[in-house]
Amino acid sequence: MTTPYDAIVLAGGAARRLGGADKPGVRVGGRALLDRVLGACAGAGVTVVVGGCRTTARPVVWTREEPAGGGPLAALDAGLRLTTAPSVLALSADLPFLGEPTVAALLDTLGTGGREGVLCVDESGRAQPLVAVYRAEPLRRELALLATEHGGLGGLPLRLLTRELDLAHLPAPQPLASFDCDTWEDIAAARARIREHGNVLDEWITAVKDELGIDLDVDTGVLLDLARDAAHGVARPAAPLTTFLVGYAAAKAGGEGADVAEAARKAAALANRWAAEKDELNP
């Protein structure tokens, strides 16, 4: 991903369909919806969150739309005033399955074409203006024209903006990348999905890294193989204790992904030697 970009995350809606709950703070997989979105746009130069201030997993710039509760165009305008990059990612704060691959694909599509923006298209064929990237100058131009025409941006719908821009459409690169949580049923569906067998380990590792404030590519296959070998060749409690020691050793060595792999290799070889000796004792 080479295109410099800033990000604007809209987190100030009233969440009426959630009974007025603090939607950006609702947790899915142990992480606030807002933090999940912030993780997807971690490569932004500046990330502006338009909404009430709160504790977040990574630093952001806070602002509020004028008037407060004035809707998405007012919020975009407020966020845009605090950005300087030539491209701006625009996201809502309730996207539990948005990931970096979707952000990268949006930016790549914008960078290889001459359009003024790129909207993600969901599985039903609907374009999502808040899962999108825009060129900053056309966005500023159209927001200023709309404000002049309507005497302000408060309460105006997003379609007034998107119909004036030359936009490309990108089919969602990830399943459910644009799935948003408007109701408690949506929240329940998202929570259930991340606990499915094919998703739960990646979700858990991401949540742990987010909670601990670390950014490290972890080869879960290597660690799971190590835990299996330690449990089989030594004793079941050896599995969690060994993986802890591998992490500690990797941190002392520098904390890179290669350090984890090397420590895991050494520990796995040791576990296999223990297993071989046990087999020799029990022919």
Protein backbone atom coordinates (compact mmCIF):
# COMPACT_ATOMS: atom_id res chain seq x y z
CA MET A 1 0.00 0.00 0.00
CA THR A 2 1.91 3.07 -1.26
CA THR A 3 -0.77 5.74 -1.60
CA PRO A 4 -0.48 8.26 1.27
CA TYR A 5 -3.84 8.65 2.93
CA ASP A 6 -5.61 9.99 5.99
CA ALA A 7 -8.72 8.44 7.49
CA ILE A 8 -12.00 9.87 8.76
CA VAL A 9 -14.13 7.62 10.96
CA LEU A 10 -17.71 8.72 11.64
CA ALA A 11 -18.63 7.77 15.21
CA GLY A 12 -21.26 10.28 16.21
CA GLY A 13 -24.59 8.78 15.17
CA ALA A 14 -27.57 8.56 17.53
CA ALA A 15 -27.83 4.72 17.24
CA ARG A 16 -31.63 4.89 17.52
CA ARG A 17 -32.03 1.27 16.39
CA LEU A 18 -29.78 0.26 19.28
CA GLY A 19 -31.93 2.17 21.72
CA GLY A 20 -29.44 5.02 21.91
CA ALA A 21 -26.56 2.76 23.04
CA ASP A 22 -22.96 3.91 22.60
CA LYS A 23 -22.55 2.02 19.33
CA PRO A 24 -18.82 2.71 18.71
CA GLY A 25 -18.13 1.27 22.17
CA VAL A 26 -20.18 -1.91 21.72
CA ARG A 27 -17.83 -4.89 21.82
CA VAL A 28 -17.58 -7.63 19.24
CA GLY A 29 -14.99 -10.27 19.99
CA GLY A 30 -13.89 -8.36 23.07
CA ARG A 31 -13.02 -5.23 21.10
CA ALA A 32 -15.02 -2.06 20.64
CA LEU A 33 -16.44 -1.62 17.15
CA LEU A 34 -14.49 1.63 16.82
CA ASP A 35 -11.21 -0.09 17.71
CA ARG A 36 -11.86 -2.77 15.11
CA VAL A 37 -12.26 -0.10 12.43
CA LEU A 38 -9.18 1.78 13.64
CA GLY A 39 -7.19 -1.42 13.26
CA ALA A 40 -8.15 -1.65 9.59
CA CYS A 41 -6.84 1.85 8.82
CA ALA A 42 -3.70 1.71 10.95
CA GLY A 43 -1.63 2.80 7.94
CA ALA A 44 -3.26 6.24 7.79
CA GLY A 45 -1.04 9.25 8.30
CA VAL A 46 -3.72 10.93 10.42
CA THR A 47 -6.93 9.33 11.66
CA VAL A 48 -9.72 11.72 12.59
CA VAL A 49 -12.67 10.35 14.55
CA VAL A 50 -15.79 12.49 14.42
CA GLY A 51 -17.70 11.85 17.62
CA GLY A 52 -17.46 11.94 21.39
CA CYS A 53 -13.98 11.37 22.84
CA ARG A 54 -13.23 7.98 24.37
CA THR A 55 -10.26 5.74 25.06
CA THR A 56 -9.08 3.99 21.90
CA ALA A 57 -6.53 1.30 21.13
CA ARG A 58 -4.40 3.72 19.11
CA PRO A 59 -4.04 7.51 19.03
CA VAL A 60 -6.50 9.50 16.95
CA VAL A 61 -7.53 13.13 16.44
CA TRP A 62 -10.98 13.98 17.76
CA THR A 63 -13.48 16.47 16.41
CA ARG A 64 -17.24 17.05 16.26
CA GLU A 65 -19.48 18.00 13.38
CA GLU A 66 -21.34 21.32 13.24
CA PRO A 67 -24.08 21.21 14.25
CA ALA A 68 -23.69 18.26 16.63
CA GLY A 69 -25.72 15.37 15.25
CA GLY A 70 -25.74 17.07 11.87
CA GLY A 71 -25.32 13.88 9.88
CA PRO A 72 -22.67 12.30 7.66
CA LEU A 73 -21.90 15.23 5.36
CA ALA A 74 -21.34 17.58 8.28
CA ALA A 75 -19.18 14.92 9.92
CA LEU A 76 -17.11 14.35 6.77
CA ASP A 77 -16.56 18.08 6.44
CA ALA A 78 -15.41 18.35 10.06
CA GLY A 79 -12.99 15.48 9.65
CA LEU A 80 -11.68 16.66 6.32
CA ARG A 81 -10.63 19.99 7.84
CA LEU A 82 -8.04 18.12 9.95
CA THR A 83 -6.51 16.07 7.14
CA THR A 84 -3.74 16.91 4.67
CA ALA A 85 -3.15 13.75 2.61
CA PRO A 86 -4.20 13.67 -1.06
CA SER A 87 -6.51 10.72 -0.41
CA VAL A 88 -9.01 10.28 2.40
CA LEU A 89 -10.51 7.02 3.62
CA ALA A 90 -14.08 7.51 4.86
CA LEU A 91 -15.46 4.88 7.23
CA SER A 92 -18.33 4.39 9.61
CA ALA A 93 -17.43 3.19 13.11
CA ASP A 94 -19.61 0.07 13.07
CA LEU A 95 -17.80 -2.27 10.63
CA PRO A 96 -16.71 -5.36 12.59
CA PHE A 97 -15.30 -7.26 9.60
CA LEU A 98 -13.49 -4.47 7.79
CA GLY A 99 -9.82 -5.39 7.37
CA GLU A 100 -6.61 -4.00 5.95
CA PRO A 101 -6.98 -5.96 2.66
CA THR A 102 -10.16 -4.01 1.84
CA VAL A 103 -8.49 -0.71 2.69
CA ALA A 104 -5.49 -1.64 0.53
CA ALA A 105 -7.72 -2.64 -2.40
CA LEU A 106 -9.63 0.66 -2.23
CA LEU A 107 -6.39 2.65 -2.22
CA ASP A 108 -4.85 0.60 -5.02
CA THR A 109 -7.95 1.04 -7.19
CA LEU A 110 -7.91 4.79 -6.62
CA GLY A 111 -4.19 4.96 -7.37
CA THR A 112 -4.41 3.09 -10.67
CA GLY A 113 -7.36 5.04 -12.09
CA GLY A 114 -8.33 8.63 -12.70
CA ARG A 115 -11.55 8.62 -10.72
CA GLU A 116 -12.35 10.91 -7.80
CA GLY A 117 -13.14 8.11 -5.40
CA VAL A 118 -13.79 4.40 -4.97
CA LEU A 119 -16.76 2.91 -3.13
CA CYS A 120 -16.85 -0.63 -1.76
CA VAL A 121 -19.81 -2.63 -3.09
CA ASP A 122 -21.45 -5.19 -0.79
CA GLU A 123 -22.73 -8.64 -1.73
CA SER A 124 -26.16 -7.24 -2.59
CA GLY A 125 -24.62 -4.81 -5.10
CA ARG A 126 -25.11 -1.71 -2.95
CA ALA A 127 -22.31 0.87 -3.01
CA GLN A 128 -21.12 2.00 0.43
CA PRO A 129 -20.04 5.67 0.60
CA LEU A 130 -18.68 5.12 4.13
CA VAL A 131 -16.50 2.20 3.12
CA ALA A 132 -14.71 4.29 0.55
CA VAL A 133 -11.69 6.36 -0.39
CA TYR A 134 -11.87 9.80 -2.00
CA ARG A 135 -9.42 12.23 -3.49
CA ALA A 136 -9.34 15.04 -0.98
CA GLU A 137 -9.61 18.03 -3.29
CA PRO A 138 -12.76 16.96 -5.17
CA LEU A 139 -14.28 16.01 -1.81
CA ARG A 140 -13.55 19.47 -0.40
CA ARG A 141 -14.91 21.11 -3.55
CA GLU A 142 -18.23 19.29 -3.53
CA LEU A 143 -18.78 19.69 0.21
CA ALA A 144 -18.19 23.45 -0.14
CA LEU A 145 -20.61 23.67 -3.08
CA LEU A 146 -23.29 21.75 -1.17
CA ALA A 147 -22.84 23.95 1.90
CA THR A 148 -23.26 27.04 -0.24
CA GLU A 149 -26.28 25.67 -2.10
CA HIS A 150 -28.12 24.46 1.02
CA GLY A 151 -26.90 26.99 3.56
CA GLY A 152 -25.01 24.29 5.48
CA LEU A 153 -24.44 20.55 5.52
CA GLY A 154 -26.54 19.58 8.54
CA GLY A 155 -29.10 16.88 7.79
CA LEU A 156 -28.13 16.40 4.14
CA PRO A 157 -27.94 12.83 2.78
CA LEU A 158 -24.73 11.31 1.45
CA ARG A 159 -26.22 10.75 -2.00
CA LEU A 160 -26.07 14.51 -2.66
CA LEU A 161 -22.30 14.19 -2.44
CA THR A 162 -21.71 10.91 -4.22
CA ARG A 163 -23.82 11.80 -7.26
CA GLU A 164 -21.57 14.80 -7.94
CA LEU A 165 -18.30 12.83 -7.84
CA ASP A 166 -16.77 10.60 -10.50
CA LEU A 167 -16.63 7.33 -8.55
CA ALA A 168 -15.48 3.77 -9.22
CA HIS A 169 -17.12 0.76 -7.60
CA LEU A 170 -15.08 -2.08 -6.08
CA PRO A 171 -16.66 -5.43 -5.13
CA ALA A 172 -15.81 -6.12 -1.49
CA PRO A 173 -12.42 -7.92 -1.38
CA GLN A 174 -13.33 -9.54 1.95
CA PRO A 175 -16.58 -11.26 2.92
CA LEU A 176 -18.79 -8.90 4.92
CA ALA A 177 -16.22 -6.08 4.71
CA SER A 178 -19.06 -3.56 4.60
CA PHE A 179 -21.37 -5.35 7.06
CA ASP A 180 -22.48 -2.69 9.54
CA CYS A 181 -24.12 -3.11 12.93
CA ASP A 182 -27.33 -1.09 13.04
CA THR A 183 -29.35 -3.36 15.35
CA TRP A 184 -28.78 -5.72 18.26
CA GLU A 185 -29.53 -8.56 15.83
CA ASP A 186 -26.59 -7.36 13.71
CA ILE A 187 -24.37 -7.28 16.81
CA ALA A 188 -25.43 -10.82 17.74
CA ALA A 189 -24.72 -12.07 14.21
CA ALA A 190 -21.26 -10.48 14.22
CA ARG A 191 -20.42 -11.96 17.63
CA ALA A 192 -21.51 -15.39 16.47
CA ARG A 193 -19.56 -15.23 13.22
CA ILE A 194 -16.19 -14.46 14.82
CA ARG A 195 -16.60 -17.54 17.03
CA GLU A 196 -16.98 -19.85 14.06
CA HIS A 197 -14.24 -22.45 13.77
CA GLY A 198 -12.57 -20.85 10.76
CA ASN A 199 -12.41 -17.38 12.30
CA VAL A 200 -11.95 -17.71 16.03
CA LEU A 201 -8.17 -18.14 16.26
CA ASP A 202 -7.34 -15.19 14.00
CA GLU A 203 -9.90 -13.05 15.83
CA TRP A 204 -8.47 -14.04 19.21
CA ILE A 205 -4.84 -13.37 18.23
CA THR A 206 -5.80 -9.98 16.80
CA ALA A 207 -7.71 -9.11 19.97
CA VAL A 208 -4.79 -10.12 22.19
CA LYS A 209 -2.30 -8.07 20.16
CA ASP A 210 -4.68 -5.11 20.30
CA GLU A 211 -5.11 -5.47 24.06
CA LEU A 212 -1.36 -5.78 24.69
CA GLY A 213 -0.43 -3.00 22.31
CA ILE A 214 1.85 -5.11 20.13
CA ASP A 215 2.17 -5.25 16.35
CA LEU A 216 3.66 -8.60 15.43
CA ASP A 217 2.89 -11.11 12.72
CA VAL A 218 2.35 -14.40 14.52
CA ASP A 219 2.49 -17.73 12.69
CA THR A 220 -0.23 -19.48 14.64
CA GLY A 221 0.47 -22.77 12.85
CA VAL A 222 4.04 -22.85 14.18
CA LEU A 223 2.92 -22.13 17.74
CA LEU A 224 0.09 -24.67 17.63
CA ASP A 225 2.46 -27.33 16.33
CA LEU A 226 4.86 -26.49 19.14
CA ALA A 227 2.09 -26.71 21.75
CA ARG A 228 1.02 -30.10 20.38
CA ASP A 229 4.59 -31.43 20.43
CA ALA A 230 5.18 -30.21 23.99
CA ALA A 231 1.89 -31.69 25.21
CA HIS A 232 2.54 -35.02 23.52
CA GLY A 233 6.26 -35.38 24.18
CA VAL A 234 6.49 -33.93 27.70
CA ALA A 235 3.18 -33.31 29.53
CA ARG A 236 -0.04 -31.43 28.79
CA PRO A 237 0.81 -28.45 31.04
CA ALA A 238 4.04 -28.07 29.06
CA ALA A 239 2.10 -26.65 26.10
CA PRO A 240 1.02 -23.26 27.54
CA LEU A 241 4.20 -22.92 29.60
CA THR A 242 6.40 -23.57 26.57
CA THR A 243 4.58 -21.10 24.35
CA PHE A 244 4.92 -18.48 27.10
CA LEU A 245 8.67 -19.10 27.30
CA VAL A 246 8.96 -18.87 23.52
CA GLY A 247 7.29 -15.48 23.61
CA TYR A 248 9.59 -14.30 26.37
CA ALA A 249 12.68 -15.50 24.50
CA ALA A 250 11.49 -13.85 21.27
CA ALA A 251 10.94 -10.56 23.09
CA LYS A 252 14.47 -10.66 24.52
CA ALA A 253 15.85 -11.36 21.04
CA GLY A 254 14.16 -8.33 19.52
CA GLY A 255 10.46 -9.16 19.25
CA GLU A 256 10.27 -9.63 15.47
CA GLY A 257 8.27 -12.36 13.74
CA ALA A 258 11.50 -14.14 12.81
CA ASP A 259 12.48 -14.20 16.49
CA VAL A 260 9.24 -16.00 17.36
CA ALA A 261 9.80 -18.51 14.56
CA GLU A 262 13.39 -19.23 15.66
CA ALA A 263 12.46 -19.64 19.33
CA ALA A 264 9.56 -21.91 18.37
CA ARG A 265 11.86 -24.00 16.15
CA LYS A 266 14.32 -24.57 18.97
CA ALA A 267 11.60 -25.45 21.47
CA ALA A 268 9.88 -27.81 19.01
CA ALA A 269 13.15 -29.62 18.34
CA LEU A 270 13.64 -30.04 22.09
CA ALA A 271 10.09 -31.37 22.51
CA ASN A 272 10.66 -33.87 19.71
CA ARG A 273 13.85 -35.07 21.39
CA TRP A 274 11.91 -35.59 24.63
CA ALA A 275 9.28 -37.55 22.72
CA ALA A 276 11.93 -39.71 21.07
CA GLU A 277 13.43 -40.58 24.46
CA LYS A 278 9.99 -41.48 25.83
CA ASP A 279 9.40 -43.75 22.87
CA GLU A 280 12.76 -45.44 23.50
CA LEU A 281 11.69 -46.13 27.08
CA ASN A 282 8.39 -47.62 25.90
CA PRO A 283 9.22 -49.68 22.82
